[in-house]
Amino acid sequence: MADRAPRILAFSGSTRRESLHRPLLRLAVRAAEAEGVPCTVVDLRDPPLPIYDGDLEREQGLPEAAVRLRELMAAHRGLLLASPEYNGHPTPLLVNALDWMSRAPGARPDLSPFAGVVGALVAASPGPFGGIRGLAVVRGLLANLGVTVLARQAAVGSAPDRLAPDGTLRDEGARRAVEAVGRDLARHVLALER
């Protein structure tokens, strides 16, 4: 893991242009970069991943997008996820990306890209809980992959009311909480280099 750079890979579990999670991710990324840790932000629609299918994997190998995500994860020390919640669970898009990232050429499991990675989570929701139930599921999933997930997380409830039209958070407490997640992750990533 010595070849991993002190950088953070960041992506959202939503591809909606007007997603509540894009502004949160940008805010946390800016806070991490202010601490001196560069971030690589990935859009999961570019290129899109097929739904994980073992037969497809065996017949065609890993999709190019999966190979790219695996390579990116292997080159980064941190993972920042903005995770929407659908019925108390993370989005199929997010789970699918992580499933493909856990596969290696030859149709076999390989969690090595996640080894030594520190993760952090943010979420938003129109509801009052801010996606907190889904974050618990994502936390368990990442732990199963070998990611050390930081205790600090941010869940912004009633997000449409707290977000300004330009995507900034009007709510000072929510903004500080999201920024704290980015800063905390950056500091942990830097600590791994010492």
N, C-alpha and C. Protein backbone atom coordinates (compact mmCIF):
# COMPACT_ATOMS: atom_id res chain seq x y z
N MET A 1 0.80 -1.19 0.00
CA MET A 1 0.00 0.00 0.00
C MET A 1 0.85 1.26 0.00
N ALA A 2 2.17 1.10 0.04
CA ALA A 2 3.05 2.26 0.05
C ALA A 2 2.94 3.05 -1.25
N ASP A 3 2.48 2.40 -2.32
CA ASP A 3 2.38 3.10 -3.60
C ASP A 3 1.10 3.93 -3.72
N ARG A 4 0.21 3.84 -2.75
CA ARG A 4 -1.02 4.63 -2.78
C ARG A 4 -0.68 6.08 -2.43
N ALA A 5 -1.21 6.99 -3.22
CA ALA A 5 -0.99 8.40 -2.95
C ALA A 5 -1.98 8.88 -1.89
N PRO A 6 -1.60 9.92 -1.14
CA PRO A 6 -2.54 10.48 -0.16
C PRO A 6 -3.61 11.30 -0.89
N ARG A 7 -4.51 10.59 -1.55
CA ARG A 7 -5.59 11.20 -2.31
C ARG A 7 -6.89 10.52 -1.93
N ILE A 8 -7.99 11.18 -2.28
CA ILE A 8 -9.32 10.67 -1.96
C ILE A 8 -10.09 10.46 -3.25
N LEU A 9 -10.68 9.28 -3.40
CA LEU A 9 -11.60 8.99 -4.49
C LEU A 9 -13.00 9.31 -3.98
N ALA A 10 -13.76 10.10 -4.74
CA ALA A 10 -15.07 10.54 -4.29
C ALA A 10 -16.11 10.32 -5.37
N PHE A 11 -17.26 9.77 -4.96
CA PHE A 11 -18.37 9.68 -5.90
C PHE A 11 -19.70 9.60 -5.17
N SER A 12 -20.74 9.88 -5.93
CA SER A 12 -22.10 9.87 -5.41
C SER A 12 -22.82 8.63 -5.89
N GLY A 13 -23.73 8.14 -5.07
CA GLY A 13 -24.56 7.01 -5.45
C GLY A 13 -25.79 7.44 -6.23
N SER A 14 -25.78 8.68 -6.73
CA SER A 14 -26.88 9.17 -7.56
C SER A 14 -26.30 9.79 -8.82
N THR A 15 -26.96 9.54 -9.94
CA THR A 15 -26.53 10.16 -11.18
C THR A 15 -27.47 11.28 -11.61
N ARG A 16 -28.47 11.56 -10.82
CA ARG A 16 -29.41 12.65 -11.17
C ARG A 16 -28.67 13.98 -11.22
N ARG A 17 -28.95 14.75 -12.26
CA ARG A 17 -28.32 16.08 -12.39
C ARG A 17 -28.67 16.98 -11.21
N GLU A 18 -29.88 16.87 -10.71
CA GLU A 18 -30.33 17.71 -9.59
C GLU A 18 -30.26 16.97 -8.26
N SER A 19 -29.41 15.99 -8.18
CA SER A 19 -29.28 15.20 -6.95
C SER A 19 -28.91 16.08 -5.77
N LEU A 20 -29.47 15.75 -4.62
CA LEU A 20 -29.11 16.43 -3.38
C LEU A 20 -27.68 16.12 -2.96
N HIS A 21 -27.13 15.06 -3.54
CA HIS A 21 -25.81 14.58 -3.11
C HIS A 21 -24.64 15.24 -3.81
N ARG A 22 -24.87 15.77 -4.99
CA ARG A 22 -23.78 16.46 -5.70
C ARG A 22 -23.25 17.65 -4.90
N PRO A 23 -24.13 18.53 -4.37
CA PRO A 23 -23.61 19.65 -3.58
C PRO A 23 -22.89 19.19 -2.31
N LEU A 24 -23.40 18.16 -1.66
CA LEU A 24 -22.75 17.65 -0.46
C LEU A 24 -21.35 17.13 -0.79
N LEU A 25 -21.25 16.38 -1.88
CA LEU A 25 -19.96 15.83 -2.28
C LEU A 25 -18.98 16.97 -2.57
N ARG A 26 -19.44 17.98 -3.33
CA ARG A 26 -18.56 19.11 -3.65
C ARG A 26 -18.06 19.81 -2.38
N LEU A 27 -18.96 19.99 -1.43
CA LEU A 27 -18.60 20.66 -0.18
C LEU A 27 -17.57 19.85 0.61
N ALA A 28 -17.79 18.56 0.74
CA ALA A 28 -16.84 17.71 1.47
C ALA A 28 -15.50 17.63 0.73
N VAL A 29 -15.54 17.58 -0.59
CA VAL A 29 -14.31 17.54 -1.39
C VAL A 29 -13.51 18.83 -1.19
N ARG A 30 -14.18 19.98 -1.25
CA ARG A 30 -13.48 21.25 -1.04
C ARG A 30 -12.82 21.30 0.34
N ALA A 31 -13.51 20.79 1.35
CA ALA A 31 -12.95 20.79 2.71
C ALA A 31 -11.72 19.87 2.78
N ALA A 32 -11.79 18.72 2.12
CA ALA A 32 -10.64 17.80 2.12
C ALA A 32 -9.46 18.43 1.39
N GLU A 33 -9.74 19.06 0.26
CA GLU A 33 -8.66 19.66 -0.51
C GLU A 33 -8.06 20.86 0.22
N ALA A 34 -8.85 21.56 1.02
CA ALA A 34 -8.33 22.66 1.83
C ALA A 34 -7.33 22.16 2.87
N GLU A 35 -7.44 20.89 3.22
CA GLU A 35 -6.49 20.26 4.16
C GLU A 35 -5.25 19.74 3.44
N GLY A 36 -5.21 19.91 2.11
CA GLY A 36 -4.03 19.50 1.34
C GLY A 36 -4.11 18.13 0.71
N VAL A 37 -5.30 17.54 0.66
CA VAL A 37 -5.46 16.22 0.06
C VAL A 37 -6.25 16.34 -1.23
N PRO A 38 -5.63 16.06 -2.38
CA PRO A 38 -6.37 16.14 -3.64
C PRO A 38 -7.43 15.05 -3.72
N CYS A 39 -8.52 15.37 -4.40
CA CYS A 39 -9.62 14.43 -4.57
C CYS A 39 -9.86 14.18 -6.06
N THR A 40 -10.19 12.94 -6.38
CA THR A 40 -10.60 12.55 -7.72
C THR A 40 -12.10 12.28 -7.66
N VAL A 41 -12.89 13.11 -8.33
CA VAL A 41 -14.34 12.94 -8.31
C VAL A 41 -14.76 12.19 -9.56
N VAL A 42 -15.49 11.10 -9.37
CA VAL A 42 -15.93 10.23 -10.46
C VAL A 42 -17.45 10.32 -10.59
N ASP A 43 -17.93 10.36 -11.81
CA ASP A 43 -19.36 10.32 -12.08
C ASP A 43 -19.68 8.90 -12.53
N LEU A 44 -20.54 8.20 -11.83
CA LEU A 44 -20.82 6.79 -12.14
C LEU A 44 -21.60 6.59 -13.43
N ARG A 45 -21.99 7.68 -14.11
CA ARG A 45 -22.62 7.49 -15.41
C ARG A 45 -21.61 7.57 -16.54
N ASP A 46 -20.35 7.82 -16.24
CA ASP A 46 -19.38 8.08 -17.28
C ASP A 46 -18.15 7.19 -17.14
N PRO A 47 -18.09 6.04 -17.79
CA PRO A 47 -19.17 5.36 -18.49
C PRO A 47 -20.01 4.54 -17.50
N PRO A 48 -21.25 4.22 -17.87
CA PRO A 48 -22.11 3.46 -16.96
C PRO A 48 -21.66 2.00 -16.85
N LEU A 49 -21.92 1.44 -15.70
CA LEU A 49 -21.63 0.02 -15.45
C LEU A 49 -22.90 -0.80 -15.66
N PRO A 50 -22.78 -1.97 -16.28
CA PRO A 50 -23.96 -2.84 -16.32
C PRO A 50 -24.25 -3.36 -14.91
N ILE A 51 -25.46 -3.84 -14.70
CA ILE A 51 -25.78 -4.50 -13.43
C ILE A 51 -24.88 -5.72 -13.31
N TYR A 52 -24.31 -5.91 -12.09
CA TYR A 52 -23.39 -7.04 -11.92
C TYR A 52 -24.09 -8.34 -12.29
N ASP A 53 -23.41 -9.15 -13.09
CA ASP A 53 -23.93 -10.42 -13.57
C ASP A 53 -22.73 -11.35 -13.73
N GLY A 54 -22.69 -12.42 -12.96
CA GLY A 54 -21.57 -13.35 -13.00
C GLY A 54 -21.37 -13.98 -14.37
N ASP A 55 -22.46 -14.25 -15.09
CA ASP A 55 -22.33 -14.81 -16.44
C ASP A 55 -21.69 -13.79 -17.38
N LEU A 56 -22.12 -12.55 -17.31
CA LEU A 56 -21.54 -11.50 -18.13
C LEU A 56 -20.05 -11.35 -17.82
N GLU A 57 -19.72 -11.37 -16.55
CA GLU A 57 -18.32 -11.24 -16.14
C GLU A 57 -17.49 -12.40 -16.70
N ARG A 58 -18.00 -13.61 -16.60
CA ARG A 58 -17.27 -14.79 -17.07
C ARG A 58 -17.10 -14.76 -18.60
N GLU A 59 -18.14 -14.32 -19.31
CA GLU A 59 -18.12 -14.35 -20.77
C GLU A 59 -17.38 -13.16 -21.38
N GLN A 60 -17.48 -11.97 -20.74
CA GLN A 60 -16.91 -10.77 -21.35
C GLN A 60 -15.82 -10.11 -20.53
N GLY A 61 -15.59 -10.61 -19.31
CA GLY A 61 -14.60 -10.00 -18.45
C GLY A 61 -15.14 -8.76 -17.76
N LEU A 62 -14.26 -8.07 -17.07
CA LEU A 62 -14.68 -6.86 -16.35
C LEU A 62 -14.96 -5.74 -17.35
N PRO A 63 -16.06 -5.03 -17.17
CA PRO A 63 -16.31 -3.86 -18.02
C PRO A 63 -15.20 -2.83 -17.83
N GLU A 64 -14.95 -2.05 -18.86
CA GLU A 64 -13.91 -1.03 -18.80
C GLU A 64 -14.10 -0.09 -17.62
N ALA A 65 -15.35 0.28 -17.34
CA ALA A 65 -15.63 1.19 -16.23
C ALA A 65 -15.25 0.55 -14.89
N ALA A 66 -15.44 -0.75 -14.74
CA ALA A 66 -15.08 -1.44 -13.51
C ALA A 66 -13.56 -1.48 -13.35
N VAL A 67 -12.87 -1.74 -14.44
CA VAL A 67 -11.40 -1.75 -14.40
C VAL A 67 -10.89 -0.38 -13.98
N ARG A 68 -11.47 0.67 -14.55
CA ARG A 68 -11.06 2.04 -14.21
C ARG A 68 -11.31 2.35 -12.74
N LEU A 69 -12.48 1.98 -12.22
CA LEU A 69 -12.78 2.24 -10.81
C LEU A 69 -11.84 1.46 -9.89
N ARG A 70 -11.55 0.22 -10.25
CA ARG A 70 -10.61 -0.59 -9.44
C ARG A 70 -9.24 0.07 -9.41
N GLU A 71 -8.79 0.52 -10.57
CA GLU A 71 -7.46 1.15 -10.65
C GLU A 71 -7.43 2.45 -9.85
N LEU A 72 -8.50 3.22 -9.94
CA LEU A 72 -8.57 4.46 -9.17
C LEU A 72 -8.54 4.16 -7.67
N MET A 73 -9.34 3.19 -7.23
CA MET A 73 -9.38 2.86 -5.80
C MET A 73 -8.01 2.39 -5.33
N ALA A 74 -7.34 1.60 -6.14
CA ALA A 74 -6.02 1.08 -5.77
C ALA A 74 -4.98 2.20 -5.65
N ALA A 75 -5.24 3.35 -6.28
CA ALA A 75 -4.28 4.46 -6.27
C ALA A 75 -4.62 5.53 -5.23
N HIS A 76 -5.68 5.34 -4.47
CA HIS A 76 -6.13 6.34 -3.50
C HIS A 76 -6.17 5.74 -2.10
N ARG A 77 -5.90 6.58 -1.10
CA ARG A 77 -5.95 6.15 0.30
C ARG A 77 -7.31 6.37 0.95
N GLY A 78 -8.09 7.28 0.37
CA GLY A 78 -9.38 7.62 0.96
C GLY A 78 -10.52 7.40 0.00
N LEU A 79 -11.71 7.17 0.55
CA LEU A 79 -12.92 6.98 -0.23
C LEU A 79 -14.03 7.82 0.42
N LEU A 80 -14.57 8.76 -0.34
CA LEU A 80 -15.65 9.62 0.14
C LEU A 80 -16.89 9.32 -0.68
N LEU A 81 -17.94 8.89 0.00
CA LEU A 81 -19.18 8.54 -0.69
C LEU A 81 -20.33 9.43 -0.23
N ALA A 82 -21.08 9.93 -1.21
CA ALA A 82 -22.34 10.61 -0.95
C ALA A 82 -23.41 9.60 -1.31
N SER A 83 -24.10 9.10 -0.30
CA SER A 83 -24.97 7.95 -0.50
C SER A 83 -26.44 8.27 -0.30
N PRO A 84 -27.21 8.31 -1.39
CA PRO A 84 -28.66 8.45 -1.24
C PRO A 84 -29.25 7.21 -0.55
N GLU A 85 -30.45 7.38 -0.07
CA GLU A 85 -31.15 6.28 0.60
C GLU A 85 -32.45 5.99 -0.14
N TYR A 86 -32.62 4.75 -0.54
CA TYR A 86 -33.88 4.29 -1.12
C TYR A 86 -34.48 3.27 -0.16
N ASN A 87 -35.57 3.62 0.47
CA ASN A 87 -36.24 2.70 1.39
C ASN A 87 -35.31 2.15 2.47
N GLY A 88 -34.45 3.02 2.98
CA GLY A 88 -33.55 2.63 4.06
C GLY A 88 -32.28 1.94 3.62
N HIS A 89 -32.04 1.88 2.33
CA HIS A 89 -30.85 1.21 1.81
C HIS A 89 -30.12 2.11 0.82
N PRO A 90 -28.83 1.81 0.57
CA PRO A 90 -28.12 2.58 -0.45
C PRO A 90 -28.69 2.29 -1.84
N THR A 91 -28.42 3.15 -2.77
CA THR A 91 -28.94 2.98 -4.12
C THR A 91 -28.32 1.75 -4.79
N PRO A 92 -29.07 1.10 -5.68
CA PRO A 92 -28.50 0.00 -6.46
C PRO A 92 -27.27 0.44 -7.24
N LEU A 93 -27.24 1.69 -7.70
CA LEU A 93 -26.09 2.22 -8.44
C LEU A 93 -24.82 2.14 -7.60
N LEU A 94 -24.91 2.58 -6.35
CA LEU A 94 -23.74 2.57 -5.47
C LEU A 94 -23.31 1.15 -5.16
N VAL A 95 -24.24 0.31 -4.80
CA VAL A 95 -23.91 -1.09 -4.49
C VAL A 95 -23.31 -1.78 -5.71
N ASN A 96 -23.88 -1.53 -6.88
CA ASN A 96 -23.38 -2.14 -8.11
C ASN A 96 -21.93 -1.73 -8.38
N ALA A 97 -21.62 -0.46 -8.20
CA ALA A 97 -20.25 0.01 -8.42
C ALA A 97 -19.28 -0.70 -7.47
N LEU A 98 -19.66 -0.80 -6.20
CA LEU A 98 -18.79 -1.47 -5.23
C LEU A 98 -18.67 -2.96 -5.55
N ASP A 99 -19.77 -3.57 -6.00
CA ASP A 99 -19.71 -4.99 -6.37
C ASP A 99 -18.71 -5.21 -7.50
N TRP A 100 -18.78 -4.39 -8.56
CA TRP A 100 -17.83 -4.53 -9.66
C TRP A 100 -16.40 -4.25 -9.22
N MET A 101 -16.23 -3.27 -8.33
CA MET A 101 -14.88 -2.94 -7.86
C MET A 101 -14.27 -4.07 -7.05
N SER A 102 -15.10 -4.96 -6.53
CA SER A 102 -14.60 -6.07 -5.71
C SER A 102 -14.24 -7.30 -6.55
N ARG A 103 -14.31 -7.17 -7.86
CA ARG A 103 -14.03 -8.30 -8.76
C ARG A 103 -12.71 -8.08 -9.48
N ALA A 104 -12.06 -9.17 -9.83
CA ALA A 104 -10.78 -9.10 -10.54
C ALA A 104 -10.88 -9.86 -11.85
N PRO A 105 -9.98 -9.57 -12.79
CA PRO A 105 -9.98 -10.36 -14.03
C PRO A 105 -9.95 -11.85 -13.71
N GLY A 106 -10.63 -12.62 -14.53
CA GLY A 106 -10.72 -14.05 -14.29
C GLY A 106 -11.94 -14.43 -13.49
N ALA A 107 -12.90 -13.50 -13.36
CA ALA A 107 -14.16 -13.76 -12.66
C ALA A 107 -13.91 -14.28 -11.24
N ARG A 108 -13.13 -13.53 -10.51
CA ARG A 108 -12.86 -13.92 -9.12
C ARG A 108 -12.93 -12.71 -8.20
N PRO A 109 -13.25 -12.95 -6.94
CA PRO A 109 -13.29 -11.83 -6.00
C PRO A 109 -11.87 -11.34 -5.69
N ASP A 110 -11.75 -10.05 -5.46
CA ASP A 110 -10.45 -9.47 -5.10
C ASP A 110 -10.71 -8.13 -4.43
N LEU A 111 -10.48 -8.09 -3.12
CA LEU A 111 -10.74 -6.88 -2.35
C LEU A 111 -9.49 -6.02 -2.19
N SER A 112 -8.41 -6.36 -2.87
CA SER A 112 -7.15 -5.64 -2.68
C SER A 112 -7.25 -4.14 -2.95
N PRO A 113 -8.09 -3.65 -3.88
CA PRO A 113 -8.15 -2.20 -4.06
C PRO A 113 -8.63 -1.46 -2.80
N PHE A 114 -9.33 -2.15 -1.91
CA PHE A 114 -9.87 -1.53 -0.72
C PHE A 114 -8.94 -1.65 0.50
N ALA A 115 -7.89 -2.43 0.38
CA ALA A 115 -7.00 -2.66 1.53
C ALA A 115 -6.34 -1.36 1.96
N GLY A 116 -6.42 -1.06 3.25
CA GLY A 116 -5.78 0.13 3.79
C GLY A 116 -6.51 1.43 3.49
N VAL A 117 -7.71 1.36 2.93
CA VAL A 117 -8.47 2.56 2.56
C VAL A 117 -9.29 3.04 3.76
N VAL A 118 -9.34 4.35 3.92
CA VAL A 118 -10.16 4.98 4.94
C VAL A 118 -11.34 5.63 4.23
N GLY A 119 -12.55 5.40 4.73
CA GLY A 119 -13.74 5.92 4.08
C GLY A 119 -14.52 6.87 4.95
N ALA A 120 -15.32 7.72 4.30
CA ALA A 120 -16.20 8.65 5.00
C ALA A 120 -17.49 8.78 4.20
N LEU A 121 -18.57 9.10 4.92
CA LEU A 121 -19.90 9.08 4.33
C LEU A 121 -20.68 10.37 4.59
N VAL A 122 -21.40 10.80 3.55
CA VAL A 122 -22.36 11.89 3.69
C VAL A 122 -23.64 11.47 2.99
N ALA A 123 -24.75 12.03 3.42
CA ALA A 123 -26.04 11.72 2.80
C ALA A 123 -26.98 12.90 2.98
N ALA A 124 -28.00 12.92 2.16
CA ALA A 124 -29.04 13.94 2.27
C ALA A 124 -30.36 13.28 1.90
N SER A 125 -31.44 13.89 2.36
CA SER A 125 -32.75 13.34 2.07
C SER A 125 -33.79 14.44 2.23
N PRO A 126 -34.89 14.35 1.48
CA PRO A 126 -35.99 15.27 1.72
C PRO A 126 -36.63 15.02 3.09
N GLY A 127 -36.50 13.80 3.60
CA GLY A 127 -37.09 13.44 4.89
C GLY A 127 -36.25 13.95 6.05
N PRO A 128 -36.76 13.79 7.25
CA PRO A 128 -36.10 14.36 8.43
C PRO A 128 -34.82 13.66 8.86
N PHE A 129 -34.63 12.42 8.44
CA PHE A 129 -33.47 11.66 8.93
C PHE A 129 -32.22 11.82 8.07
N GLY A 130 -32.34 12.40 6.91
CA GLY A 130 -31.17 12.71 6.10
C GLY A 130 -30.46 11.53 5.48
N GLY A 131 -31.11 10.37 5.42
CA GLY A 131 -30.46 9.20 4.84
C GLY A 131 -29.63 8.39 5.82
N ILE A 132 -29.79 8.65 7.09
CA ILE A 132 -28.97 7.99 8.12
C ILE A 132 -29.13 6.48 8.13
N ARG A 133 -30.34 5.98 7.82
CA ARG A 133 -30.55 4.52 7.82
C ARG A 133 -29.74 3.86 6.71
N GLY A 134 -29.69 4.49 5.56
CA GLY A 134 -28.90 3.95 4.46
C GLY A 134 -27.40 3.99 4.75
N LEU A 135 -26.95 5.02 5.49
CA LEU A 135 -25.53 5.10 5.81
C LEU A 135 -25.08 3.92 6.67
N ALA A 136 -25.96 3.44 7.54
CA ALA A 136 -25.60 2.28 8.36
C ALA A 136 -25.35 1.06 7.48
N VAL A 137 -26.14 0.91 6.44
CA VAL A 137 -25.96 -0.22 5.52
C VAL A 137 -24.66 -0.05 4.72
N VAL A 138 -24.40 1.16 4.23
CA VAL A 138 -23.17 1.42 3.47
C VAL A 138 -21.95 1.18 4.35
N ARG A 139 -22.04 1.61 5.60
CA ARG A 139 -20.93 1.41 6.54
C ARG A 139 -20.61 -0.09 6.67
N GLY A 140 -21.63 -0.91 6.81
CA GLY A 140 -21.41 -2.36 6.91
C GLY A 140 -20.85 -2.94 5.62
N LEU A 141 -21.35 -2.49 4.49
CA LEU A 141 -20.85 -2.97 3.21
C LEU A 141 -19.38 -2.63 3.03
N LEU A 142 -19.01 -1.38 3.33
CA LEU A 142 -17.61 -0.98 3.19
C LEU A 142 -16.71 -1.76 4.15
N ALA A 143 -17.20 -1.99 5.36
CA ALA A 143 -16.41 -2.78 6.32
C ALA A 143 -16.18 -4.19 5.78
N ASN A 144 -17.20 -4.77 5.15
CA ASN A 144 -17.04 -6.11 4.55
C ASN A 144 -15.98 -6.10 3.45
N LEU A 145 -15.80 -4.97 2.78
CA LEU A 145 -14.79 -4.87 1.72
C LEU A 145 -13.40 -4.58 2.27
N GLY A 146 -13.31 -4.26 3.56
CA GLY A 146 -12.02 -3.98 4.17
C GLY A 146 -11.71 -2.51 4.37
N VAL A 147 -12.68 -1.64 4.10
CA VAL A 147 -12.49 -0.20 4.28
C VAL A 147 -12.72 0.15 5.76
N THR A 148 -11.83 0.95 6.31
CA THR A 148 -12.03 1.48 7.65
C THR A 148 -12.87 2.75 7.52
N VAL A 149 -14.10 2.70 7.99
CA VAL A 149 -15.02 3.82 7.83
C VAL A 149 -14.97 4.68 9.10
N LEU A 150 -14.73 5.96 8.90
CA LEU A 150 -14.64 6.88 10.03
C LEU A 150 -15.98 7.03 10.74
N ALA A 151 -15.93 7.26 12.03
CA ALA A 151 -17.15 7.42 12.81
C ALA A 151 -17.91 8.68 12.39
N ARG A 152 -17.17 9.75 12.08
CA ARG A 152 -17.84 11.00 11.70
C ARG A 152 -18.52 10.84 10.34
N GLN A 153 -19.78 11.21 10.28
CA GLN A 153 -20.54 11.21 9.04
C GLN A 153 -21.52 12.37 9.11
N ALA A 154 -22.12 12.71 7.98
CA ALA A 154 -23.10 13.79 7.96
C ALA A 154 -24.34 13.33 7.22
N ALA A 155 -25.49 13.52 7.84
CA ALA A 155 -26.77 13.19 7.21
C ALA A 155 -27.64 14.44 7.30
N VAL A 156 -27.96 15.01 6.14
CA VAL A 156 -28.68 16.28 6.08
C VAL A 156 -30.15 16.02 5.77
N GLY A 157 -30.98 16.15 6.78
CA GLY A 157 -32.42 15.99 6.59
C GLY A 157 -33.07 17.24 6.04
N SER A 158 -34.25 17.09 5.47
CA SER A 158 -34.98 18.21 4.86
C SER A 158 -34.07 18.99 3.91
N ALA A 159 -33.26 18.26 3.17
CA ALA A 159 -32.22 18.87 2.34
C ALA A 159 -32.74 19.87 1.31
N PRO A 160 -33.86 19.63 0.63
CA PRO A 160 -34.32 20.63 -0.34
C PRO A 160 -34.54 22.01 0.29
N ASP A 161 -34.95 22.03 1.56
CA ASP A 161 -35.16 23.30 2.25
C ASP A 161 -33.85 23.93 2.70
N ARG A 162 -32.82 23.15 2.83
CA ARG A 162 -31.54 23.64 3.33
C ARG A 162 -30.57 24.00 2.20
N LEU A 163 -30.88 23.56 0.99
CA LEU A 163 -30.00 23.86 -0.14
C LEU A 163 -30.50 25.09 -0.89
N ALA A 164 -29.60 25.99 -1.18
CA ALA A 164 -29.93 27.16 -2.01
C ALA A 164 -29.96 26.72 -3.47
N PRO A 165 -30.58 27.50 -4.35
CA PRO A 165 -30.64 27.15 -5.77
C PRO A 165 -29.27 26.92 -6.41
N ASP A 166 -28.23 27.58 -5.89
CA ASP A 166 -26.89 27.39 -6.46
C ASP A 166 -26.18 26.16 -5.89
N GLY A 167 -26.87 25.38 -5.04
CA GLY A 167 -26.30 24.15 -4.50
C GLY A 167 -25.55 24.32 -3.20
N THR A 168 -25.49 25.54 -2.67
CA THR A 168 -24.82 25.73 -1.39
C THR A 168 -25.80 25.40 -0.26
N LEU A 169 -25.24 25.01 0.86
CA LEU A 169 -26.06 24.72 2.03
C LEU A 169 -26.32 26.00 2.80
N ARG A 170 -27.60 26.38 2.92
CA ARG A 170 -27.97 27.58 3.67
C ARG A 170 -27.84 27.34 5.17
N ASP A 171 -28.03 26.11 5.57
CA ASP A 171 -28.00 25.75 6.99
C ASP A 171 -26.55 25.64 7.46
N GLU A 172 -26.17 26.54 8.36
CA GLU A 172 -24.78 26.61 8.82
C GLU A 172 -24.35 25.33 9.52
N GLY A 173 -25.22 24.77 10.35
CA GLY A 173 -24.87 23.54 11.05
C GLY A 173 -24.65 22.38 10.11
N ALA A 174 -25.51 22.25 9.11
CA ALA A 174 -25.37 21.18 8.12
C ALA A 174 -24.10 21.38 7.30
N ARG A 175 -23.82 22.62 6.92
CA ARG A 175 -22.61 22.90 6.14
C ARG A 175 -21.36 22.53 6.94
N ARG A 176 -21.34 22.93 8.19
CA ARG A 176 -20.18 22.60 9.04
C ARG A 176 -20.01 21.09 9.20
N ALA A 177 -21.13 20.37 9.34
CA ALA A 177 -21.06 18.91 9.50
C ALA A 177 -20.49 18.24 8.27
N VAL A 178 -20.91 18.66 7.08
CA VAL A 178 -20.40 18.07 5.84
C VAL A 178 -18.93 18.42 5.66
N GLU A 179 -18.57 19.65 5.92
CA GLU A 179 -17.16 20.06 5.81
C GLU A 179 -16.29 19.28 6.79
N ALA A 180 -16.81 19.03 7.99
CA ALA A 180 -16.05 18.28 8.99
C ALA A 180 -15.74 16.86 8.51
N VAL A 181 -16.67 16.26 7.78
CA VAL A 181 -16.43 14.92 7.23
C VAL A 181 -15.25 14.97 6.26
N GLY A 182 -15.26 15.93 5.36
CA GLY A 182 -14.15 16.06 4.40
C GLY A 182 -12.83 16.32 5.08
N ARG A 183 -12.82 17.23 6.05
CA ARG A 183 -11.58 17.53 6.78
C ARG A 183 -11.07 16.32 7.55
N ASP A 184 -11.99 15.62 8.23
CA ASP A 184 -11.61 14.46 9.02
C ASP A 184 -11.00 13.37 8.14
N LEU A 185 -11.62 13.13 7.01
CA LEU A 185 -11.08 12.11 6.09
C LEU A 185 -9.70 12.53 5.60
N ALA A 186 -9.54 13.78 5.21
CA ALA A 186 -8.24 14.25 4.73
C ALA A 186 -7.16 14.08 5.80
N ARG A 187 -7.48 14.41 7.03
CA ARG A 187 -6.50 14.29 8.12
C ARG A 187 -6.12 12.84 8.36
N HIS A 188 -7.08 11.94 8.26
CA HIS A 188 -6.77 10.52 8.44
C HIS A 188 -5.90 10.00 7.29
N VAL A 189 -6.21 10.44 6.08
CA VAL A 189 -5.42 10.02 4.93
C VAL A 189 -3.97 10.51 5.08
N LEU A 190 -3.81 11.76 5.50
CA LEU A 190 -2.47 12.29 5.70
C LEU A 190 -1.74 11.57 6.82
N ALA A 191 -2.47 11.18 7.86
CA ALA A 191 -1.86 10.47 8.99
C ALA A 191 -1.30 9.11 8.54
N LEU A 192 -1.89 8.52 7.53
CA LEU A 192 -1.41 7.23 7.04
C LEU A 192 -0.02 7.36 6.40
N GLU A 193 0.33 8.56 5.99
CA GLU A 193 1.63 8.80 5.33
C GLU A 193 2.75 8.99 6.34
N ARG A 194 2.42 9.18 7.59
CA ARG A 194 3.45 9.44 8.60
C ARG A 194 4.07 8.18 9.11
